[in-house]
PDB file of N, CA and C in Angstrom:
ATOM      1  N   MET A   1    -118.495-120.505 164.514  1.00  0.00           N
ATOM      2  CA  MET A   1    -117.389-119.961 164.334  1.00  0.00           C
ATOM      3  C   MET A   1    -117.484-118.508 164.812  1.00  0.00           C
ATOM      4  N   SER A   2    -116.639-118.175 165.631  1.00  0.00           N
ATOM      5  CA  SER A   2    -116.739-116.547 166.183  1.00  0.00           C
ATOM      6  C   SER A   2    -116.215-115.765 165.341  1.00  0.00           C
ATOM      7  N   GLU A   3    -116.645-114.543 165.259  1.00  0.00           N
ATOM      8  CA  GLU A   3    -116.113-113.609 164.481  1.00  0.00           C
ATOM      9  C   GLU A   3    -115.281-112.920 165.103  1.00  0.00           C
ATOM     10  N   ALA A   4    -114.938-113.051 166.305  1.00  0.00           N
ATOM     11  CA  ALA A   4    -114.069-112.218 167.241  1.00  0.00           C
ATOM     12  C   ALA A   4    -112.411-113.096 166.904  1.00  0.00           C
ATOM     13  N   THR A   5    -112.573-114.078 166.366  1.00  0.00           N
ATOM     14  CA  THR A   5    -111.234-115.050 166.461  1.00  0.00           C
ATOM     15  C   THR A   5    -110.842-114.939 164.984  1.00  0.00           C
ATOM     16  N   VAL A   6    -111.688-114.199 164.245  1.00  0.00           N
ATOM     17  CA  VAL A   6    -111.232-114.505 162.644  1.00  0.00           C
ATOM     18  C   VAL A   6    -110.097-113.296 162.270  1.00  0.00           C
ATOM     19  N   ASP A   7    -109.180-113.652 161.654  1.00  0.00           N
ATOM     20  CA  ASP A   7    -108.360-112.287 161.385  1.00  0.00           C
ATOM     21  C   ASP A   7    -108.310-112.012 159.910  1.00  0.00           C
ATOM     22  N   VAL A   8    -109.483-111.251 159.824  1.00  0.00           N
ATOM     23  CA  VAL A   8    -109.656-110.217 158.519  1.00  0.00           C
ATOM     24  C   VAL A   8    -109.809-108.795 158.933  1.00  0.00           C
ATOM     25  N   PRO A   9    -109.562-107.853 157.911  1.00  0.00           N
ATOM     26  CA  PRO A   9    -109.642-106.595 158.395  1.00  0.00           C
ATOM     27  C   PRO A   9    -111.173-106.182 158.657  1.00  0.00           C
ATOM     28  N   MET A  10    -111.389-105.650 159.708  1.00  0.00           N
ATOM     29  CA  MET A  10    -112.831-105.412 160.110  1.00  0.00           C
ATOM     30  C   MET A  10    -113.144-103.988 160.227  1.00  0.00           C
ATOM     31  N   ASP A  11    -112.270-103.338 159.378  1.00  0.00           N
ATOM     32  CA  ASP A  11    -112.841-101.948 159.297  1.00  0.00           C
ATOM     33  C   ASP A  11    -113.825-101.654 158.246  1.00  0.00           C
ATOM     34  N   GLU A  12    -114.427-102.814 157.837  1.00  0.00           N
ATOM     35  CA  GLU A  12    -115.400-102.534 156.799  1.00  0.00           C
ATOM     36  C   GLU A  12    -115.733-102.012 155.623  1.00  0.00           C
ATOM     37  N   GLY A  13    -114.399-102.259 155.034  1.00  0.00           N
ATOM     38  CA  GLY A  13    -114.110-102.320 153.638  1.00  0.00           C
ATOM     39  C   GLY A  13    -114.431-103.186 152.811  1.00  0.00           C
ATOM     40  N   LEU A  14    -114.488-103.350 151.655  1.00  0.00           N
ATOM     41  CA  LEU A  14    -114.801-104.360 150.827  1.00  0.00           C
ATOM     42  C   LEU A  14    -113.651-105.526 151.080  1.00  0.00           C
ATOM     43  N   TRP A  15    -113.718-106.662 151.085  1.00  0.00           N
ATOM     44  CA  TRP A  15    -113.336-107.635 151.061  1.00  0.00           C
ATOM     45  C   TRP A  15    -112.673-108.223 149.813  1.00  0.00           C
ATOM     46  N   ASP A  16    -111.501-108.939 149.650  1.00  0.00           N
ATOM     47  CA  ASP A  16    -111.301-109.756 148.579  1.00  0.00           C
ATOM     48  C   ASP A  16    -111.368-111.188 148.956  1.00  0.00           C
ATOM     49  N   ALA A  17    -110.817-112.077 147.772  1.00  0.00           N
ATOM     50  CA  ALA A  17    -111.180-113.348 148.033  1.00  0.00           C
ATOM     51  C   ALA A  17    -110.196-113.752 149.129  1.00  0.00           C
ATOM     52  N   LYS A  18    -109.244-113.371 149.369  1.00  0.00           N
ATOM     53  CA  LYS A  18    -108.465-113.886 150.761  1.00  0.00           C
ATOM     54  C   LYS A  18    -109.133-113.428 152.062  1.00  0.00           C
ATOM     55  N   ASP A  19    -109.431-112.466 151.912  1.00  0.00           N
ATOM     56  CA  ASP A  19    -110.230-112.009 153.552  1.00  0.00           C
ATOM     57  C   ASP A  19    -111.462-113.187 153.610  1.00  0.00           C
ATOM     58  N   VAL A  20    -112.024-113.258 152.412  1.00  0.00           N
ATOM     59  CA  VAL A  20    -113.447-114.131 152.665  1.00  0.00           C
ATOM     60  C   VAL A  20    -112.881-115.812 153.124  1.00  0.00           C
ATOM     61  N   ALA A  21    -111.633-116.010 152.225  1.00  0.00           N
ATOM     62  CA  ALA A  21    -111.370-117.259 152.372  1.00  0.00           C
ATOM     63  C   ALA A  21    -110.895-117.537 153.865  1.00  0.00           C
ATOM     64  N   ARG A  22    -110.121-116.659 154.680  1.00  0.00           N
ATOM     65  CA  ARG A  22    -109.942-116.539 155.870  1.00  0.00           C
ATOM     66  C   ARG A  22    -110.909-116.274 156.848  1.00  0.00           C
ATOM     67  N   TYR A  23    -111.941-115.738 156.372  1.00  0.00           N
ATOM     68  CA  TYR A  23    -113.324-115.782 157.520  1.00  0.00           C
ATOM     69  C   TYR A  23    -113.853-117.091 157.320  1.00  0.00           C
ATOM     70  N   VAL A  24    -114.017-117.945 156.268  1.00  0.00           N
ATOM     71  CA  VAL A  24    -114.744-119.011 156.318  1.00  0.00           C
ATOM     72  C   VAL A  24    -113.766-119.914 156.443  1.00  0.00           C
ATOM     73  N   LYS A  25    -112.727-119.837 156.697  1.00  0.00           N
ATOM     74  CA  LYS A  25    -111.419-120.988 156.819  1.00  0.00           C
ATOM     75  C   LYS A  25    -111.626-121.913 155.920  1.00  0.00           C
ATOM     76  N   GLY A  26    -111.467-121.118 154.728  1.00  0.00           N
ATOM     77  CA  GLY A  26    -111.523-122.187 153.386  1.00  0.00           C
ATOM     78  C   GLY A  26    -110.137-121.638 152.273  1.00  0.00           C
ATOM     79  N   SER A  27    -110.597-122.177 151.179  1.00  0.00           N
ATOM     80  CA  SER A  27    -109.567-121.845 150.212  1.00  0.00           C
ATOM     81  C   SER A  27    -110.119-120.698 149.284  1.00  0.00           C
ATOM     82  N   VAL A  28    -109.229-119.893 148.733  1.00  0.00           N
ATOM     83  CA  VAL A  28    -109.370-118.840 147.939  1.00  0.00           C
ATOM     84  C   VAL A  28    -110.207-119.329 146.547  1.00  0.00           C
ATOM     85  N   SER A  29    -109.530-120.394 146.095  1.00  0.00           N
ATOM     86  CA  SER A  29    -110.434-121.133 144.968  1.00  0.00           C
ATOM     87  C   SER A  29    -111.746-121.560 145.223  1.00  0.00           C
ATOM     88  N   TRP A  30    -111.807-122.002 146.402  1.00  0.00           N
ATOM     89  CA  TRP A  30    -113.422-122.302 146.703  1.00  0.00           C
ATOM     90  C   TRP A  30    -114.287-120.805 146.786  1.00  0.00           C
ATOM     91  N   VAL A  31    -113.791-119.773 147.428  1.00  0.00           N
ATOM     92  CA  VAL A  31    -114.555-118.656 147.168  1.00  0.00           C
ATOM     93  C   VAL A  31    -114.710-117.962 145.495  1.00  0.00           C
ATOM     94  N   TYR A  32    -113.870-118.191 144.831  1.00  0.00           N
ATOM     95  CA  TYR A  32    -113.847-117.813 143.602  1.00  0.00           C
ATOM     96  C   TYR A  32    -114.920-118.821 142.867  1.00  0.00           C
ATOM     97  N   LYS A  33    -115.162-120.067 143.226  1.00  0.00           N
ATOM     98  CA  LYS A  33    -115.985-121.020 142.576  1.00  0.00           C
ATOM     99  C   LYS A  33    -117.381-120.990 143.153  1.00  0.00           C
ATOM    100  N   VAL A  34    -117.592-120.507 144.159  1.00  0.00           N
ATOM    101  CA  VAL A  34    -118.818-120.094 144.719  1.00  0.00           C
ATOM    102  C   VAL A  34    -119.422-118.912 144.466  1.00  0.00           C
ATOM    103  N   ALA A  35    -118.362-117.665 144.084  1.00  0.00           N
ATOM    104  CA  ALA A  35    -119.011-116.762 143.525  1.00  0.00           C
ATOM    105  C   ALA A  35    -119.476-116.529 142.408  1.00  0.00           C
ATOM    106  N   GLU A  36    -118.555-117.354 141.313  1.00  0.00           N
ATOM    107  CA  GLU A  36    -118.786-117.607 140.112  1.00  0.00           C
ATOM    108  C   GLU A  36    -119.909-118.313 139.737  1.00  0.00           C
ATOM    109  N   ALA A  37    -120.163-119.110 140.771  1.00  0.00           N
ATOM    110  CA  ALA A  37    -121.718-120.114 140.495  1.00  0.00           C
ATOM    111  C   ALA A  37    -122.846-119.006 140.915  1.00  0.00           C
ATOM    112  N   GLY A  38    -122.489-117.975 141.405  1.00  0.00           N
ATOM    113  CA  GLY A  38    -123.686-116.945 142.098  1.00  0.00           C
ATOM    114  C   GLY A  38    -124.318-117.154 143.181  1.00  0.00           C
ATOM    115  N   LEU A  39    -123.544-117.942 144.047  1.00  0.00           N
ATOM    116  CA  LEU A  39    -124.105-118.432 145.249  1.00  0.00           C
ATOM    117  C   LEU A  39    -123.611-117.527 146.394  1.00  0.00           C
ATOM    118  N   LEU A  40    -122.445-116.931 146.191  1.00  0.00           N
ATOM    119  CA  LEU A  40    -121.949-115.853 147.367  1.00  0.00           C
ATOM    120  C   LEU A  40    -122.043-114.270 146.286  1.00  0.00           C
ATOM    121  N   PRO A  41    -123.042-113.326 146.724  1.00  0.00           N
ATOM    122  CA  PRO A  41    -122.900-112.219 146.055  1.00  0.00           C
ATOM    123  C   PRO A  41    -121.768-111.583 146.193  1.00  0.00           C
ATOM    124  N   CYS A  42    -121.263-110.939 144.879  1.00  0.00           N
ATOM    125  CA  CYS A  42    -119.915-110.247 144.784  1.00  0.00           C
ATOM    126  C   CYS A  42    -119.918-109.019 143.904  1.00  0.00           C
ATOM    127  N   LEU A  43    -119.247-108.176 143.969  1.00  0.00           N
ATOM    128  CA  LEU A  43    -118.909-107.009 143.164  1.00  0.00           C
ATOM    129  C   LEU A  43    -117.757-107.011 142.214  1.00  0.00           C
ATOM    130  N   ARG A  44    -117.867-107.209 140.753  1.00  0.00           N
ATOM    131  CA  ARG A  44    -116.802-107.496 139.832  1.00  0.00           C
ATOM    132  C   ARG A  44    -116.422-105.938 139.825  1.00  0.00           C
ATOM    133  N   ILE A  45    -114.956-105.721 139.630  1.00  0.00           N
ATOM    134  CA  ILE A  45    -114.312-104.466 139.500  1.00  0.00           C
ATOM    135  C   ILE A  45    -113.263-104.878 138.368  1.00  0.00           C
ATOM    136  N   GLY A  46    -113.743-104.891 137.142  1.00  0.00           N
ATOM    137  CA  GLY A  46    -112.782-105.247 136.358  1.00  0.00           C
ATOM    138  C   GLY A  46    -112.547-106.990 136.097  1.00  0.00           C
ATOM    139  N   SER A  47    -111.342-107.365 136.587  1.00  0.00           N
ATOM    140  CA  SER A  47    -111.329-109.124 136.699  1.00  0.00           C
ATOM    141  C   SER A  47    -111.271-109.249 138.256  1.00  0.00           C
ATOM    142  N   MET A  48    -111.348-108.334 139.046  1.00  0.00           N
ATOM    143  CA  MET A  48    -111.459-108.428 140.323  1.00  0.00           C
ATOM    144  C   MET A  48    -112.633-108.802 140.892  1.00  0.00           C
ATOM    145  N   LEU A  49    -112.723-109.601 141.929  1.00  0.00           N
ATOM    146  CA  LEU A  49    -114.011-109.915 142.810  1.00  0.00           C
ATOM    147  C   LEU A  49    -113.740-109.166 144.182  1.00  0.00           C
ATOM    148  N   ARG A  50    -114.774-108.588 144.503  1.00  0.00           N
ATOM    149  CA  ARG A  50    -114.990-107.801 146.060  1.00  0.00           C
ATOM    150  C   ARG A  50    -116.384-108.162 146.675  1.00  0.00           C
ATOM    151  N   PHE A  51    -115.946-108.234 148.155  1.00  0.00           N
ATOM    152  CA  PHE A  51    -117.073-108.862 148.828  1.00  0.00           C
ATOM    153  C   PHE A  51    -117.478-107.823 149.727  1.00  0.00           C
ATOM    154  N   GLU A  52    -118.817-107.814 150.113  1.00  0.00           N
ATOM    155  CA  GLU A  52    -119.399-106.928 151.082  1.00  0.00           C
ATOM    156  C   GLU A  52    -119.285-107.792 152.466  1.00  0.00           C
ATOM    157  N   PRO A  53    -118.551-107.273 153.501  1.00  0.00           N
ATOM    158  CA  PRO A  53    -118.470-108.069 154.747  1.00  0.00           C
ATOM    159  C   PRO A  53    -119.743-108.793 155.452  1.00  0.00           C
ATOM    160  N   GLU A  54    -120.905-107.932 155.355  1.00  0.00           N
ATOM    161  CA  GLU A  54    -122.048-108.207 155.923  1.00  0.00           C
ATOM    162  C   GLU A  54    -123.004-109.193 154.957  1.00  0.00           C
ATOM    163  N   VAL A  55    -122.731-108.915 153.799  1.00  0.00           N
ATOM    164  CA  VAL A  55    -123.063-110.305 152.841  1.00  0.00           C
ATOM    165  C   VAL A  55    -122.360-111.527 152.985  1.00  0.00           C
ATOM    166  N   VAL A  56    -121.251-111.633 153.367  1.00  0.00           N
ATOM    167  CA  VAL A  56    -120.380-112.751 153.476  1.00  0.00           C
ATOM    168  C   VAL A  56    -121.016-113.433 154.679  1.00  0.00           C
ATOM    169  N   ARG A  57    -121.145-112.812 155.872  1.00  0.00           N
ATOM    170  CA  ARG A  57    -121.426-113.136 157.063  1.00  0.00           C
ATOM    171  C   ARG A  57    -122.871-113.689 157.146  1.00  0.00           C
ATOM    172  N   ALA A  58    -123.611-112.976 156.173  1.00  0.00           N
ATOM    173  CA  ALA A  58    -125.183-113.299 156.073  1.00  0.00           C
ATOM    174  C   ALA A  58    -124.879-114.893 155.565  1.00  0.00           C
ATOM    175  N   PHE A  59    -124.337-114.849 154.139  1.00  0.00           N
ATOM    176  CA  PHE A  59    -124.038-115.990 153.512  1.00  0.00           C
ATOM    177  C   PHE A  59    -123.705-117.430 154.599  1.00  0.00           C
ATOM    178  N   VAL A  60    -122.784-116.995 155.363  1.00  0.00           N
ATOM    179  CA  VAL A  60    -122.363-118.237 156.162  1.00  0.00           C
ATOM    180  C   VAL A  60    -123.319-118.328 157.219  1.00  0.00           C
ATOM    181  N   ARG A  61    -124.307-117.475 157.836  1.00  0.00           N
ATOM    182  CA  ARG A  61    -125.218-117.737 158.795  1.00  0.00           C
ATOM    183  C   ARG A  61    -126.158-118.594 157.987  1.00  0.00           C
ATOM    184  N   SER A  62    -126.754-118.095 156.840  1.00  0.00           N
ATOM    185  CA  SER A  62    -127.580-119.022 155.926  1.00  0.00           C
ATOM    186  C   SER A  62    -127.248-120.394 155.600  1.00  0.00           C
ATOM    187  N   THR A  63    -125.874-120.683 155.368  1.00  0.00           N
ATOM    188  CA  THR A  63    -125.350-121.867 155.048  1.00  0.00           C
ATOM    189  C   THR A  63    -125.362-122.757 156.199  1.00  0.00           C
ATOM    190  N   ARG A  64    -125.185-122.169 157.736  1.00  0.00           N
ATOM    191  CA  ARG A  64    -125.046-122.803 158.772  1.00  0.00           C
ATOM    192  C   ARG A  64    -126.300-123.410 158.910  1.00  0.00           C
ATOM    193  N   ALA A  65    -127.342-122.466 158.685  1.00  0.00           N
ATOM    194  CA  ALA A  65    -129.000-122.825 159.239  1.00  0.00           C
ATOM    195  C   ALA A  65    -129.564-124.147 158.257  1.00  0.00           C
ATOM    196  N   GLY A  66    -129.065-123.865 157.012  1.00  0.00           N
ATOM    197  CA  GLY A  66    -129.231-124.704 155.951  1.00  0.00           C
ATOM    198  C   GLY A  66    -128.682-126.090 156.358  1.00  0.00           C
ATOM    199  N   SER A  67    -127.620-126.150 156.748  1.00  0.00           N
ATOM    200  CA  SER A  67    -126.786-127.453 157.175  1.00  0.00           C
ATOM    201  C   SER A  67    -127.607-128.234 158.500  1.00  0.00           C
ATOM    202  N   ALA A  68    -127.890-127.088 159.527  1.00  0.00           N
ATOM    203  CA  ALA A  68    -128.643-127.595 160.765  1.00  0.00           C
ATOM    204  C   ALA A  68    -129.952-128.334 160.282  1.00  0.00           C
ATOM    205  N   LYS A  69    -130.743-127.731 159.294  1.00  0.00           N
ATOM    206  CA  LYS A  69    -131.952-128.237 159.050  1.00  0.00           C
ATOM    207  C   LYS A  69    -131.886-129.597 158.363  1.00  0.00           C
ATOM    208  N   ALA A  70    -130.589-129.731 157.898  1.00  0.00           N
ATOM    209  CA  ALA A  70    -130.458-130.884 156.996  1.00  0.00           C
ATOM    210  C   ALA A  70    -130.350-132.075 157.823  1.00  0.00           C
ATOM    211  N   ARG A  71    -129.724-131.925 158.957  1.00  0.00           N
ATOM    212  CA  ARG A  71    -129.572-133.014 160.083  1.00  0.00           C
ATOM    213  C   ARG A  71    -130.795-133.549 160.508  1.00  0.00           C
TER     214      ARG A  71
END
């Protein structure tokens, strides 16, 4: 997945679950499920979850590396 083709705000503010879902081309419910399971680090602000873009990118890179090793 090329970061240049992903349509999320790249001003490096915190991302919400919709931004993360667009980045990983997945669903918002998947983002919440993975974050609540503690697999994707997030910041909890009241009932909201926010994500640091570089942490999300690192998560995706590590997930790709793990799936490549499993092959």
